[in-house]
Amino acid sequence: MDKRDLSALFRERLKILLQRSSLNQSAFAAKVGLDRSALSQLMSGATTRLPRAETLLNIAAEHKVSLDWLMGLSQDEGATGELRVNMEMEEGLGGNDRALLARWHAEAAGTKIRYVPAGMPDLLRTEALIAYESSRTHRNSEIQIDETLSRLDYNRRPETDMEVCMPRHTLEIFARGMGMWTDFPAPERKAQLAHMARLLDDLYPSFRLFLYDGLERYSIPYTVFGSIRAAIYVGDMYLVLNATEPVRTLTRHFDTLIRSAQVHAHEAAGFARSLHDQLA
């Protein structure tokens, strides 16, 4: 791991411990045998140097966390963090996906969420589109609508920072009524595009949609919750990655999609409106 990345992860964990301790910086530093000025430098990011091994061990022991967690090498705080399962399967049936996603979003509050949807982004869908898609997937449309409203509330919080990246042709296919949307009426498609454009304007810049060329790039649907975890959508299940390095790998993949975007976030609402205007 790059030294700067390691330093940034350590600083993030150190801030968490300081906040939990309810101590001021002087008292916190004294308890772990660290000079206050050195602690200030570490907290500010003025240096990429890490404390001595003895000090790191003191911090971990004093606050009862694993050294791996403190150094950003594990997502588990416990002393047996290295034994944590790095990959899990979570079922999303019977509304369980709603509870899972709500928990994962809550745990990642204040960090950037990166999202590659399987189709139309959930929180941008109209009730008519939700009902149509639910009828095809045999899912409860009322639960889906409630979940969409909850997502909208989440994305309107001041601390929210979400980036969404999807193929441009997904919206173009939708506008033409092709693929899975063949039987979705043109007036409803037009209303969906207008609804999407309004929300993209309303939620920007805390919610940013990027569109890439699906012929040049490919991605499975997944969500990266800050540096905590990544969840890959595989139908009615999620493949959940908890280890730091796989999460960082998916983050880099997402950043590659962003760099190859043909429609950028400040243009996304206008693109949706252009598709809307092309419909009779």
Protein backbone atom coordinates (compact mmCIF):
# COMPACT_ATOMS: atom_id res chain seq x y z
CA MET A 1 0.00 0.00 0.00
CA ASP A 2 1.27 3.49 -0.86
CA LYS A 3 2.71 5.33 2.15
CA ARG A 4 0.32 8.26 1.67
CA ASP A 5 -2.69 5.93 1.55
CA LEU A 6 -1.50 4.12 4.66
CA SER A 7 -1.03 7.44 6.45
CA ALA A 8 -4.51 8.63 5.44
CA LEU A 9 -6.15 5.43 6.70
CA PHE A 10 -4.22 5.62 9.97
CA ARG A 11 -5.29 9.28 10.41
CA GLU A 12 -8.94 8.34 9.79
CA ARG A 13 -8.79 5.59 12.45
CA LEU A 14 -6.96 7.87 14.89
CA LYS A 15 -9.70 10.50 14.56
CA ILE A 16 -12.31 7.84 15.30
CA LEU A 17 -10.50 6.84 18.50
CA LEU A 18 -10.07 10.45 19.60
CA GLN A 19 -13.76 11.15 19.09
CA ARG A 20 -14.77 8.02 21.01
CA SER A 21 -12.46 8.80 23.90
CA SER A 22 -14.11 12.18 24.67
CA LEU A 23 -10.62 13.42 25.57
CA ASN A 24 -8.94 16.54 24.28
CA GLN A 25 -5.81 16.07 22.17
CA SER A 26 -3.43 16.70 25.08
CA ALA A 27 -5.02 14.05 27.30
CA PHE A 28 -5.31 11.58 24.44
CA ALA A 29 -1.64 12.02 23.52
CA ALA A 30 -0.49 11.66 27.12
CA LYS A 31 -2.35 8.37 27.57
CA VAL A 32 -0.53 6.73 24.66
CA GLY A 33 2.88 8.30 25.27
CA LEU A 34 2.76 10.69 22.33
CA ASP A 35 3.80 14.33 22.25
CA ARG A 36 0.83 16.67 21.70
CA SER A 37 2.51 18.47 18.78
CA ALA A 38 3.26 15.12 17.14
CA LEU A 39 -0.40 14.14 17.54
CA SER A 40 -1.49 17.44 15.98
CA GLN A 41 0.75 16.79 12.98
CA LEU A 42 -0.67 13.29 12.56
CA MET A 43 -4.25 14.54 12.80
CA SER A 44 -3.73 17.38 10.32
CA GLY A 45 -2.08 15.27 7.65
CA ALA A 46 0.97 17.53 7.68
CA THR A 47 3.19 14.45 7.64
CA THR A 48 2.97 10.97 6.15
CA ARG A 49 5.26 9.59 8.84
CA LEU A 50 3.72 7.13 11.27
CA PRO A 51 4.49 6.89 15.00
CA ARG A 52 7.02 4.38 16.28
CA ALA A 53 5.91 0.76 16.57
CA GLU A 54 5.82 1.10 20.36
CA THR A 55 3.42 4.05 20.14
CA LEU A 56 1.19 2.23 17.66
CA LEU A 57 0.98 -0.72 20.02
CA ASN A 58 0.18 1.62 22.93
CA ILE A 59 -2.66 3.23 20.97
CA ALA A 60 -4.10 -0.14 19.98
CA ALA A 61 -3.85 -1.53 23.51
CA GLU A 62 -5.24 1.58 25.22
CA HIS A 63 -8.29 1.69 22.98
CA LYS A 64 -8.73 -2.07 22.66
CA VAL A 65 -8.50 -2.29 18.88
CA SER A 66 -6.35 -4.49 16.66
CA LEU A 67 -3.17 -3.10 15.17
CA ASP A 68 -4.39 -4.23 11.74
CA TRP A 69 -7.52 -2.09 12.13
CA LEU A 70 -5.54 0.91 13.38
CA MET A 71 -3.26 0.68 10.32
CA GLY A 72 -6.20 0.32 7.94
CA LEU A 73 -5.35 -3.27 7.01
CA SER A 74 -8.55 -4.73 8.42
CA GLN A 75 -12.17 -3.60 8.84
CA ASP A 76 -12.52 -5.52 12.12
CA GLU A 77 -11.55 -3.65 15.29
CA GLY A 78 -11.16 -6.73 17.45
CA ALA A 79 -7.85 -8.30 18.36
CA THR A 80 -8.64 -11.17 16.00
CA GLY A 81 -9.31 -8.86 13.07
CA GLU A 82 -6.96 -10.85 10.85
CA LEU A 83 -9.34 -13.81 11.12
CA ARG A 84 -12.34 -11.89 9.82
CA VAL A 85 -14.10 -13.41 6.80
CA ASN A 86 -13.07 -11.19 3.88
CA MET A 87 -15.91 -12.31 1.62
CA GLU A 88 -19.51 -13.07 2.53
CA MET A 89 -22.78 -13.80 0.75
CA GLU A 90 -25.88 -11.92 1.89
CA GLU A 91 -29.35 -12.84 0.63
CA GLY A 92 -31.57 -10.00 -0.52
CA LEU A 93 -34.90 -11.81 -0.54
CA GLY A 94 -38.08 -10.86 1.29
CA GLY A 95 -37.09 -7.26 1.90
CA ASN A 96 -33.80 -8.27 3.52
CA ASP A 97 -31.94 -6.24 0.89
CA ARG A 98 -33.66 -3.11 2.21
CA ALA A 99 -32.36 -3.73 5.73
CA LEU A 100 -28.89 -4.62 4.46
CA LEU A 101 -28.56 -1.52 2.27
CA ALA A 102 -29.92 0.76 5.01
CA ARG A 103 -27.34 -0.62 7.46
CA TRP A 104 -24.46 -0.35 5.00
CA HIS A 105 -25.38 3.22 4.09
CA ALA A 106 -25.69 4.18 7.75
CA GLU A 107 -22.29 2.70 8.59
CA ALA A 108 -20.72 4.61 5.69
CA ALA A 109 -22.34 7.95 6.60
CA GLY A 110 -20.01 10.85 5.93
CA THR A 111 -17.95 8.94 3.34
CA LYS A 112 -18.28 8.71 -0.43
CA ILE A 113 -20.65 6.08 -1.83
CA ARG A 114 -19.80 4.80 -5.33
CA TYR A 115 -22.62 3.01 -7.14
CA VAL A 116 -22.88 1.16 -10.45
CA PRO A 117 -26.58 0.22 -10.85
CA ALA A 118 -27.94 -2.85 -12.59
CA GLY A 119 -30.46 -0.69 -14.48
CA MET A 120 -32.10 2.62 -13.72
CA PRO A 121 -30.70 4.04 -10.44
CA ASP A 122 -33.18 3.15 -7.70
CA LEU A 123 -33.78 6.59 -6.24
CA LEU A 124 -34.37 8.15 -9.69
CA ARG A 125 -37.29 5.86 -10.62
CA THR A 126 -40.92 6.98 -10.77
CA GLU A 127 -43.60 4.93 -9.03
CA ALA A 128 -44.87 3.84 -12.46
CA LEU A 129 -41.46 2.45 -13.41
CA ILE A 130 -41.09 0.75 -10.03
CA ALA A 131 -44.50 -0.92 -10.46
CA TYR A 132 -43.62 -2.03 -14.01
CA GLU A 133 -40.23 -3.48 -13.08
CA SER A 134 -41.59 -5.08 -9.90
CA SER A 135 -44.27 -6.91 -11.89
CA ARG A 136 -41.54 -8.48 -14.00
CA THR A 137 -39.27 -9.43 -11.12
CA HIS A 138 -42.12 -10.48 -8.79
CA ARG A 139 -41.04 -8.04 -6.09
CA ASN A 140 -43.30 -5.98 -3.84
CA SER A 141 -43.72 -2.58 -5.51
CA GLU A 142 -44.88 -0.88 -2.28
CA ILE A 143 -41.66 -1.90 -0.53
CA GLN A 144 -39.67 -0.71 -3.54
CA ILE A 145 -41.43 2.68 -3.54
CA ASP A 146 -40.83 3.09 0.18
CA GLU A 147 -37.18 2.21 -0.32
CA THR A 148 -36.86 4.82 -3.08
CA LEU A 149 -38.29 7.50 -0.79
CA SER A 150 -35.87 6.45 1.95
CA ARG A 151 -32.97 6.71 -0.50
CA LEU A 152 -34.08 10.20 -1.51
CA ASP A 153 -34.21 11.27 2.14
CA TYR A 154 -30.72 9.84 2.64
CA ASN A 155 -29.32 11.67 -0.38
CA ARG A 156 -30.74 14.98 0.79
CA ARG A 157 -28.72 14.88 4.01
CA PRO A 158 -25.91 17.44 4.03
CA GLU A 159 -23.24 14.82 4.75
CA THR A 160 -24.17 12.66 1.74
CA ASP A 161 -21.66 12.24 -1.08
CA MET A 162 -22.69 9.76 -3.78
CA GLU A 163 -21.37 9.12 -7.27
CA VAL A 164 -23.26 6.92 -9.73
CA CYS A 165 -21.76 5.63 -12.97
CA MET A 166 -23.72 3.73 -15.62
CA PRO A 167 -23.65 3.07 -19.39
CA ARG A 168 -25.09 5.89 -21.48
CA HIS A 169 -26.87 3.38 -23.72
CA THR A 170 -28.97 2.14 -20.77
CA LEU A 171 -30.81 5.48 -20.79
CA GLU A 172 -30.98 5.52 -24.59
CA ILE A 173 -32.45 2.02 -24.70
CA PHE A 174 -34.95 3.01 -22.02
CA ALA A 175 -36.00 6.12 -23.95
CA ARG A 176 -36.63 4.02 -27.08
CA GLY A 177 -38.65 1.46 -25.15
CA MET A 178 -36.32 -1.43 -25.96
CA GLY A 179 -35.11 -4.42 -23.97
CA MET A 180 -36.87 -4.96 -20.67
CA TRP A 181 -38.82 -1.70 -21.17
CA THR A 182 -40.52 -2.80 -24.42
CA ASP A 183 -43.97 -2.79 -22.81
CA PHE A 184 -43.47 0.35 -20.72
CA PRO A 185 -45.66 3.03 -22.41
CA ALA A 186 -44.01 6.02 -24.10
CA PRO A 187 -45.84 8.61 -21.93
CA GLU A 188 -44.52 6.87 -18.80
CA ARG A 189 -41.01 6.75 -20.24
CA LYS A 190 -41.23 10.47 -20.97
CA ALA A 191 -42.45 11.16 -17.41
CA GLN A 192 -39.59 9.05 -16.04
CA LEU A 193 -36.97 11.04 -17.96
CA ALA A 194 -38.46 14.35 -16.80
CA HIS A 195 -38.55 13.06 -13.22
CA MET A 196 -34.92 11.97 -13.48
CA ALA A 197 -33.81 15.34 -14.87
CA ARG A 198 -35.55 17.21 -12.03
CA LEU A 199 -33.96 15.02 -9.35
CA LEU A 200 -30.50 15.25 -10.91
CA ASP A 201 -30.76 19.04 -10.72
CA ASP A 202 -32.22 18.95 -7.22
CA LEU A 203 -29.67 16.56 -5.71
CA TYR A 204 -26.55 17.91 -7.43
CA PRO A 205 -23.74 18.13 -6.32
CA SER A 206 -24.16 15.67 -3.41
CA PHE A 207 -25.53 13.13 -5.93
CA ARG A 208 -23.61 12.97 -9.21
CA LEU A 209 -24.46 10.79 -12.21
CA PHE A 210 -21.83 9.97 -14.85
CA LEU A 211 -22.52 8.11 -18.09
CA TYR A 212 -19.83 6.09 -19.85
CA ASP A 213 -19.75 4.28 -23.21
CA GLY A 214 -20.78 0.69 -22.55
CA LEU A 215 -19.03 -0.43 -25.74
CA GLU A 216 -15.69 0.76 -24.39
CA ARG A 217 -16.11 -0.17 -20.73
CA TYR A 218 -17.89 -2.91 -18.85
CA SER A 219 -18.95 -3.17 -15.24
CA ILE A 220 -21.00 -5.47 -13.09
CA PRO A 221 -23.40 -3.71 -10.67
CA TYR A 222 -21.80 -2.91 -7.32
CA THR A 223 -21.66 -0.34 -4.54
CA VAL A 224 -18.57 0.77 -2.63
CA PHE A 225 -19.38 2.09 0.85
CA GLY A 226 -16.47 4.42 1.61
CA SER A 227 -13.46 2.36 2.64
CA ILE A 228 -15.60 -0.03 4.70
CA ARG A 229 -17.00 -2.57 2.25
CA ALA A 230 -18.12 -3.24 -1.29
CA ALA A 231 -21.26 -5.14 -2.26
CA ILE A 232 -21.53 -6.78 -5.68
CA TYR A 233 -25.11 -7.38 -6.79
CA VAL A 234 -25.69 -10.91 -8.11
CA GLY A 235 -29.46 -11.08 -8.50
CA ASP A 236 -31.15 -11.84 -5.19
CA MET A 237 -27.81 -11.94 -3.37
CA TYR A 238 -24.87 -9.68 -2.61
CA LEU A 239 -21.24 -10.73 -2.67
CA VAL A 240 -19.85 -8.61 0.17
CA LEU A 241 -16.15 -7.72 0.30
CA ASN A 242 -14.83 -6.58 3.66
CA ALA A 243 -11.06 -6.57 3.21
CA THR A 244 -9.31 -3.28 2.51
CA GLU A 245 -7.50 -4.23 -0.71
CA PRO A 246 -10.53 -5.59 -2.67
CA VAL A 247 -12.50 -2.49 -1.66
CA ARG A 248 -9.66 -0.30 -2.89
CA THR A 249 -9.49 -2.28 -6.15
CA LEU A 250 -13.18 -1.72 -6.87
CA THR A 251 -12.76 1.95 -5.98
CA ARG A 252 -10.01 2.24 -8.58
CA HIS A 253 -12.25 0.47 -11.11
CA PHE A 254 -15.02 2.97 -10.41
CA ASP A 255 -12.61 5.88 -10.82
CA THR A 256 -11.67 4.44 -14.23
CA LEU A 257 -15.34 4.52 -15.23
CA ILE A 258 -15.57 8.15 -14.09
CA ARG A 259 -12.50 9.12 -16.12
CA SER A 260 -13.99 7.54 -19.25
CA ALA A 261 -17.40 9.22 -18.80
CA GLN A 262 -18.88 10.82 -21.92
CA VAL A 263 -21.60 12.62 -19.98
CA HIS A 264 -20.39 14.25 -16.78
CA ALA A 265 -22.41 14.96 -13.65
CA HIS A 266 -23.16 18.61 -14.49
CA GLU A 267 -24.46 17.46 -17.91
CA ALA A 268 -26.55 14.48 -16.80
CA ALA A 269 -29.83 16.36 -16.20
CA GLY A 270 -29.54 18.00 -19.62
CA PHE A 271 -28.90 14.62 -21.25
CA ALA A 272 -32.05 13.17 -19.63
CA ARG A 273 -34.03 16.18 -20.89
CA SER A 274 -32.70 15.73 -24.41
CA LEU A 275 -33.94 12.13 -24.41
CA HIS A 276 -37.26 13.35 -23.02
CA ASP A 277 -37.61 15.94 -25.81
CA GLN A 278 -36.89 13.33 -28.49
CA LEU A 279 -39.96 11.33 -27.45
CA ALA A 280 -43.16 12.18 -29.31
